[in-house]
Amino acid sequence: MKTATIPSLRVDPELRQAAESVLQEGETLSSFVEQSLRISIDHRRAQQAFIVRGLASRDEAQRTGEYFTADEVLRELDGMVGKARAKPGK
């Protein structure tokens, strides 16, 4: 597969300096920008999926009339966390 380029990005010198100041040993500014872009894409995809699930849940609740209070949800989540922590190797 051929590679493609991302348009060049003009930034304030302070932003470039800040980015360069956090580079790890052997890391280039280009690799840092690429990694940041990949992370942002993953984050936005996760946000979109979360919204889709939330809207579907809302629609299902409206359809069935079954709703849960925040306390009910938090109790169930606490139970899940407790079970996960009780498993060997956790």
N, C-alpha and C. Protein backbone atom coordinates (compact mmCIF):
# COMPACT_ATOMS: atom_id res chain seq x y z
N MET A 1 0.84 -1.17 0.00
CA MET A 1 0.00 0.00 0.00
C MET A 1 0.89 1.24 0.00
N LYS A 2 0.52 2.19 -0.82
CA LYS A 2 1.25 3.45 -0.85
C LYS A 2 0.96 4.24 0.41
N THR A 3 1.90 5.06 0.79
CA THR A 3 1.66 5.95 1.92
C THR A 3 1.08 7.26 1.42
N ALA A 4 0.45 7.97 2.31
CA ALA A 4 -0.12 9.28 1.97
C ALA A 4 0.43 10.29 2.96
N THR A 5 0.25 11.54 2.65
CA THR A 5 0.72 12.58 3.56
C THR A 5 -0.46 13.32 4.17
N ILE A 6 -0.21 13.87 5.34
CA ILE A 6 -1.17 14.74 6.02
C ILE A 6 -0.73 16.16 5.69
N PRO A 7 -1.66 17.06 5.45
CA PRO A 7 -1.26 18.44 5.15
C PRO A 7 -0.37 19.01 6.26
N SER A 8 0.58 19.84 5.84
CA SER A 8 1.45 20.46 6.83
C SER A 8 0.61 21.33 7.75
N LEU A 9 1.11 21.52 8.94
CA LEU A 9 0.35 22.19 9.98
C LEU A 9 1.15 23.37 10.51
N ARG A 10 0.59 24.54 10.42
CA ARG A 10 1.25 25.72 10.97
C ARG A 10 0.76 25.91 12.39
N VAL A 11 1.71 26.05 13.31
CA VAL A 11 1.37 26.23 14.73
C VAL A 11 2.23 27.34 15.31
N ASP A 12 1.81 27.82 16.47
CA ASP A 12 2.61 28.80 17.19
C ASP A 12 3.92 28.14 17.62
N PRO A 13 4.99 28.90 17.66
CA PRO A 13 6.26 28.34 18.11
C PRO A 13 6.16 27.70 19.51
N GLU A 14 5.31 28.27 20.36
CA GLU A 14 5.15 27.72 21.71
C GLU A 14 4.58 26.30 21.68
N LEU A 15 3.63 26.06 20.77
CA LEU A 15 3.05 24.72 20.66
C LEU A 15 4.08 23.72 20.15
N ARG A 16 4.85 24.11 19.16
CA ARG A 16 5.90 23.22 18.66
C ARG A 16 6.91 22.93 19.75
N GLN A 17 7.30 23.94 20.50
CA GLN A 17 8.27 23.74 21.58
C GLN A 17 7.68 22.81 22.65
N ALA A 18 6.42 22.99 22.96
CA ALA A 18 5.78 22.12 23.95
C ALA A 18 5.76 20.68 23.47
N ALA A 19 5.45 20.48 22.20
CA ALA A 19 5.44 19.12 21.65
C ALA A 19 6.83 18.52 21.68
N GLU A 20 7.81 19.27 21.28
CA GLU A 20 9.18 18.77 21.27
C GLU A 20 9.67 18.46 22.68
N SER A 21 9.16 19.20 23.66
CA SER A 21 9.64 19.01 25.04
C SER A 21 9.16 17.70 25.65
N VAL A 22 8.14 17.08 25.06
CA VAL A 22 7.62 15.83 25.62
C VAL A 22 7.99 14.60 24.77
N LEU A 23 8.79 14.81 23.74
CA LEU A 23 9.21 13.67 22.93
C LEU A 23 10.03 12.71 23.76
N GLN A 24 9.79 11.43 23.54
CA GLN A 24 10.59 10.42 24.22
C GLN A 24 11.86 10.15 23.43
N GLU A 25 12.80 9.49 24.06
CA GLU A 25 14.09 9.25 23.42
C GLU A 25 13.88 8.50 22.10
N GLY A 26 14.46 9.02 21.03
CA GLY A 26 14.36 8.41 19.72
C GLY A 26 13.07 8.72 18.98
N GLU A 27 12.14 9.43 19.60
CA GLU A 27 10.88 9.75 18.97
C GLU A 27 11.03 11.04 18.16
N THR A 28 10.45 11.05 16.99
CA THR A 28 10.47 12.26 16.16
C THR A 28 9.16 13.02 16.33
N LEU A 29 9.20 14.27 15.95
CA LEU A 29 7.99 15.07 16.00
C LEU A 29 6.94 14.48 15.06
N SER A 30 7.37 13.99 13.92
CA SER A 30 6.43 13.39 12.97
C SER A 30 5.76 12.15 13.55
N SER A 31 6.54 11.29 14.22
CA SER A 31 5.94 10.09 14.81
C SER A 31 5.00 10.45 15.95
N PHE A 32 5.34 11.50 16.70
CA PHE A 32 4.47 11.97 17.78
C PHE A 32 3.15 12.48 17.22
N VAL A 33 3.22 13.25 16.14
CA VAL A 33 2.00 13.78 15.52
C VAL A 33 1.16 12.62 14.96
N GLU A 34 1.79 11.65 14.33
CA GLU A 34 1.06 10.50 13.79
C GLU A 34 0.37 9.73 14.91
N GLN A 35 1.10 9.47 16.00
CA GLN A 35 0.51 8.74 17.13
C GLN A 35 -0.66 9.55 17.72
N SER A 36 -0.49 10.85 17.86
CA SER A 36 -1.55 11.69 18.39
C SER A 36 -2.78 11.65 17.50
N LEU A 37 -2.57 11.66 16.20
CA LEU A 37 -3.68 11.59 15.25
C LEU A 37 -4.41 10.26 15.38
N ARG A 38 -3.66 9.16 15.47
CA ARG A 38 -4.28 7.83 15.63
C ARG A 38 -5.10 7.76 16.92
N ILE A 39 -4.56 8.28 18.00
CA ILE A 39 -5.27 8.28 19.29
C ILE A 39 -6.55 9.11 19.19
N SER A 40 -6.46 10.26 18.55
CA SER A 40 -7.64 11.12 18.40
C SER A 40 -8.72 10.45 17.54
N ILE A 41 -8.31 9.76 16.50
CA ILE A 41 -9.27 9.04 15.65
C ILE A 41 -9.95 7.96 16.47
N ASP A 42 -9.18 7.16 17.21
CA ASP A 42 -9.76 6.12 18.06
C ASP A 42 -10.73 6.70 19.08
N HIS A 43 -10.34 7.82 19.67
CA HIS A 43 -11.18 8.48 20.67
C HIS A 43 -12.50 8.95 20.05
N ARG A 44 -12.43 9.55 18.90
CA ARG A 44 -13.65 10.04 18.24
C ARG A 44 -14.55 8.88 17.81
N ARG A 45 -13.95 7.79 17.35
CA ARG A 45 -14.76 6.62 16.99
C ARG A 45 -15.46 6.05 18.22
N ALA A 46 -14.74 6.01 19.34
CA ALA A 46 -15.34 5.52 20.58
C ALA A 46 -16.47 6.44 21.03
N GLN A 47 -16.27 7.75 20.90
CA GLN A 47 -17.33 8.71 21.23
C GLN A 47 -18.57 8.49 20.37
N GLN A 48 -18.35 8.33 19.07
CA GLN A 48 -19.47 8.12 18.16
C GLN A 48 -20.22 6.84 18.51
N ALA A 49 -19.48 5.76 18.79
CA ALA A 49 -20.12 4.50 19.15
C ALA A 49 -20.90 4.63 20.45
N PHE A 50 -20.35 5.36 21.41
CA PHE A 50 -21.02 5.60 22.69
C PHE A 50 -22.34 6.33 22.47
N ILE A 51 -22.32 7.33 21.63
CA ILE A 51 -23.53 8.09 21.35
C ILE A 51 -24.57 7.21 20.66
N VAL A 52 -24.13 6.40 19.71
CA VAL A 52 -25.05 5.49 19.02
C VAL A 52 -25.70 4.53 20.02
N ARG A 53 -24.87 3.96 20.93
CA ARG A 53 -25.42 3.04 21.94
C ARG A 53 -26.38 3.77 22.87
N GLY A 54 -26.04 4.97 23.25
CA GLY A 54 -26.90 5.74 24.14
C GLY A 54 -28.24 6.07 23.50
N LEU A 55 -28.21 6.46 22.25
CA LEU A 55 -29.46 6.77 21.55
C LEU A 55 -30.31 5.52 21.36
N ALA A 56 -29.66 4.39 21.07
CA ALA A 56 -30.39 3.13 20.93
C ALA A 56 -31.01 2.73 22.27
N SER A 57 -30.28 2.94 23.35
CA SER A 57 -30.80 2.63 24.68
C SER A 57 -31.99 3.52 25.01
N ARG A 58 -31.88 4.79 24.68
CA ARG A 58 -33.00 5.71 24.90
C ARG A 58 -34.23 5.26 24.12
N ASP A 59 -34.01 4.90 22.87
CA ASP A 59 -35.13 4.47 22.03
C ASP A 59 -35.77 3.20 22.58
N GLU A 60 -34.94 2.27 23.06
CA GLU A 60 -35.45 1.03 23.64
C GLU A 60 -36.24 1.31 24.91
N ALA A 61 -35.75 2.21 25.73
CA ALA A 61 -36.46 2.57 26.96
C ALA A 61 -37.80 3.22 26.63
N GLN A 62 -37.81 4.07 25.64
CA GLN A 62 -39.07 4.70 25.23
C GLN A 62 -40.04 3.65 24.68
N ARG A 63 -39.50 2.71 23.94
CA ARG A 63 -40.34 1.67 23.34
C ARG A 63 -40.95 0.76 24.40
N THR A 64 -40.12 0.37 25.39
CA THR A 64 -40.58 -0.60 26.40
C THR A 64 -41.15 0.07 27.64
N GLY A 65 -40.80 1.33 27.86
CA GLY A 65 -41.23 2.01 29.08
C GLY A 65 -40.42 1.58 30.29
N GLU A 66 -39.32 0.84 30.06
CA GLU A 66 -38.49 0.36 31.17
C GLU A 66 -37.30 1.31 31.35
N TYR A 67 -37.26 1.95 32.49
CA TYR A 67 -36.19 2.89 32.81
C TYR A 67 -35.53 2.46 34.12
N PHE A 68 -34.30 2.89 34.33
CA PHE A 68 -33.56 2.57 35.55
C PHE A 68 -33.05 3.87 36.15
N THR A 69 -33.06 3.93 37.49
CA THR A 69 -32.53 5.11 38.17
C THR A 69 -31.01 5.04 38.17
N ALA A 70 -30.39 6.17 38.41
CA ALA A 70 -28.93 6.21 38.50
C ALA A 70 -28.46 5.31 39.64
N ASP A 71 -29.17 5.29 40.76
CA ASP A 71 -28.78 4.44 41.89
C ASP A 71 -28.82 2.97 41.50
N GLU A 72 -29.81 2.55 40.73
CA GLU A 72 -29.89 1.15 40.30
C GLU A 72 -28.70 0.79 39.41
N VAL A 73 -28.36 1.68 38.51
CA VAL A 73 -27.24 1.44 37.60
C VAL A 73 -25.93 1.38 38.38
N LEU A 74 -25.74 2.31 39.31
CA LEU A 74 -24.51 2.34 40.09
C LEU A 74 -24.37 1.09 40.96
N ARG A 75 -25.47 0.62 41.54
CA ARG A 75 -25.43 -0.62 42.32
C ARG A 75 -25.01 -1.80 41.46
N GLU A 76 -25.57 -1.88 40.26
CA GLU A 76 -25.20 -2.97 39.36
C GLU A 76 -23.73 -2.88 38.96
N LEU A 77 -23.26 -1.69 38.67
CA LEU A 77 -21.85 -1.51 38.31
C LEU A 77 -20.94 -1.87 39.48
N ASP A 78 -21.31 -1.47 40.69
CA ASP A 78 -20.52 -1.83 41.87
C ASP A 78 -20.44 -3.35 42.01
N GLY A 79 -21.55 -4.03 41.76
CA GLY A 79 -21.55 -5.49 41.81
C GLY A 79 -20.63 -6.10 40.78
N MET A 80 -20.62 -5.55 39.58
CA MET A 80 -19.74 -6.05 38.53
C MET A 80 -18.27 -5.86 38.90
N VAL A 81 -17.96 -4.70 39.46
CA VAL A 81 -16.59 -4.43 39.88
C VAL A 81 -16.19 -5.39 40.99
N GLY A 82 -17.07 -5.60 41.95
CA GLY A 82 -16.78 -6.53 43.04
C GLY A 82 -16.51 -7.94 42.53
N LYS A 83 -17.30 -8.39 41.59
CA LYS A 83 -17.08 -9.74 41.01
C LYS A 83 -15.76 -9.82 40.28
N ALA A 84 -15.44 -8.77 39.53
CA ALA A 84 -14.18 -8.76 38.77
C ALA A 84 -12.98 -8.76 39.70
N ARG A 85 -13.08 -8.05 40.80
CA ARG A 85 -11.96 -7.99 41.75
C ARG A 85 -11.80 -9.30 42.50
N ALA A 86 -12.89 -10.04 42.68
CA ALA A 86 -12.87 -11.29 43.43
C ALA A 86 -12.28 -12.44 42.60
N LYS A 87 -12.18 -12.27 41.29
CA LYS A 87 -11.63 -13.33 40.44
C LYS A 87 -10.15 -13.50 40.72
N PRO A 88 -9.67 -14.75 40.72
CA PRO A 88 -8.24 -15.00 40.93
C PRO A 88 -7.42 -14.30 39.86
N GLY A 89 -6.29 -13.77 40.28
CA GLY A 89 -5.38 -13.11 39.34
C GLY A 89 -5.72 -11.66 39.09
N LYS A 90 -6.70 -11.14 39.77
CA LYS A 90 -7.08 -9.73 39.58
C LYS A 90 -6.58 -8.88 40.72
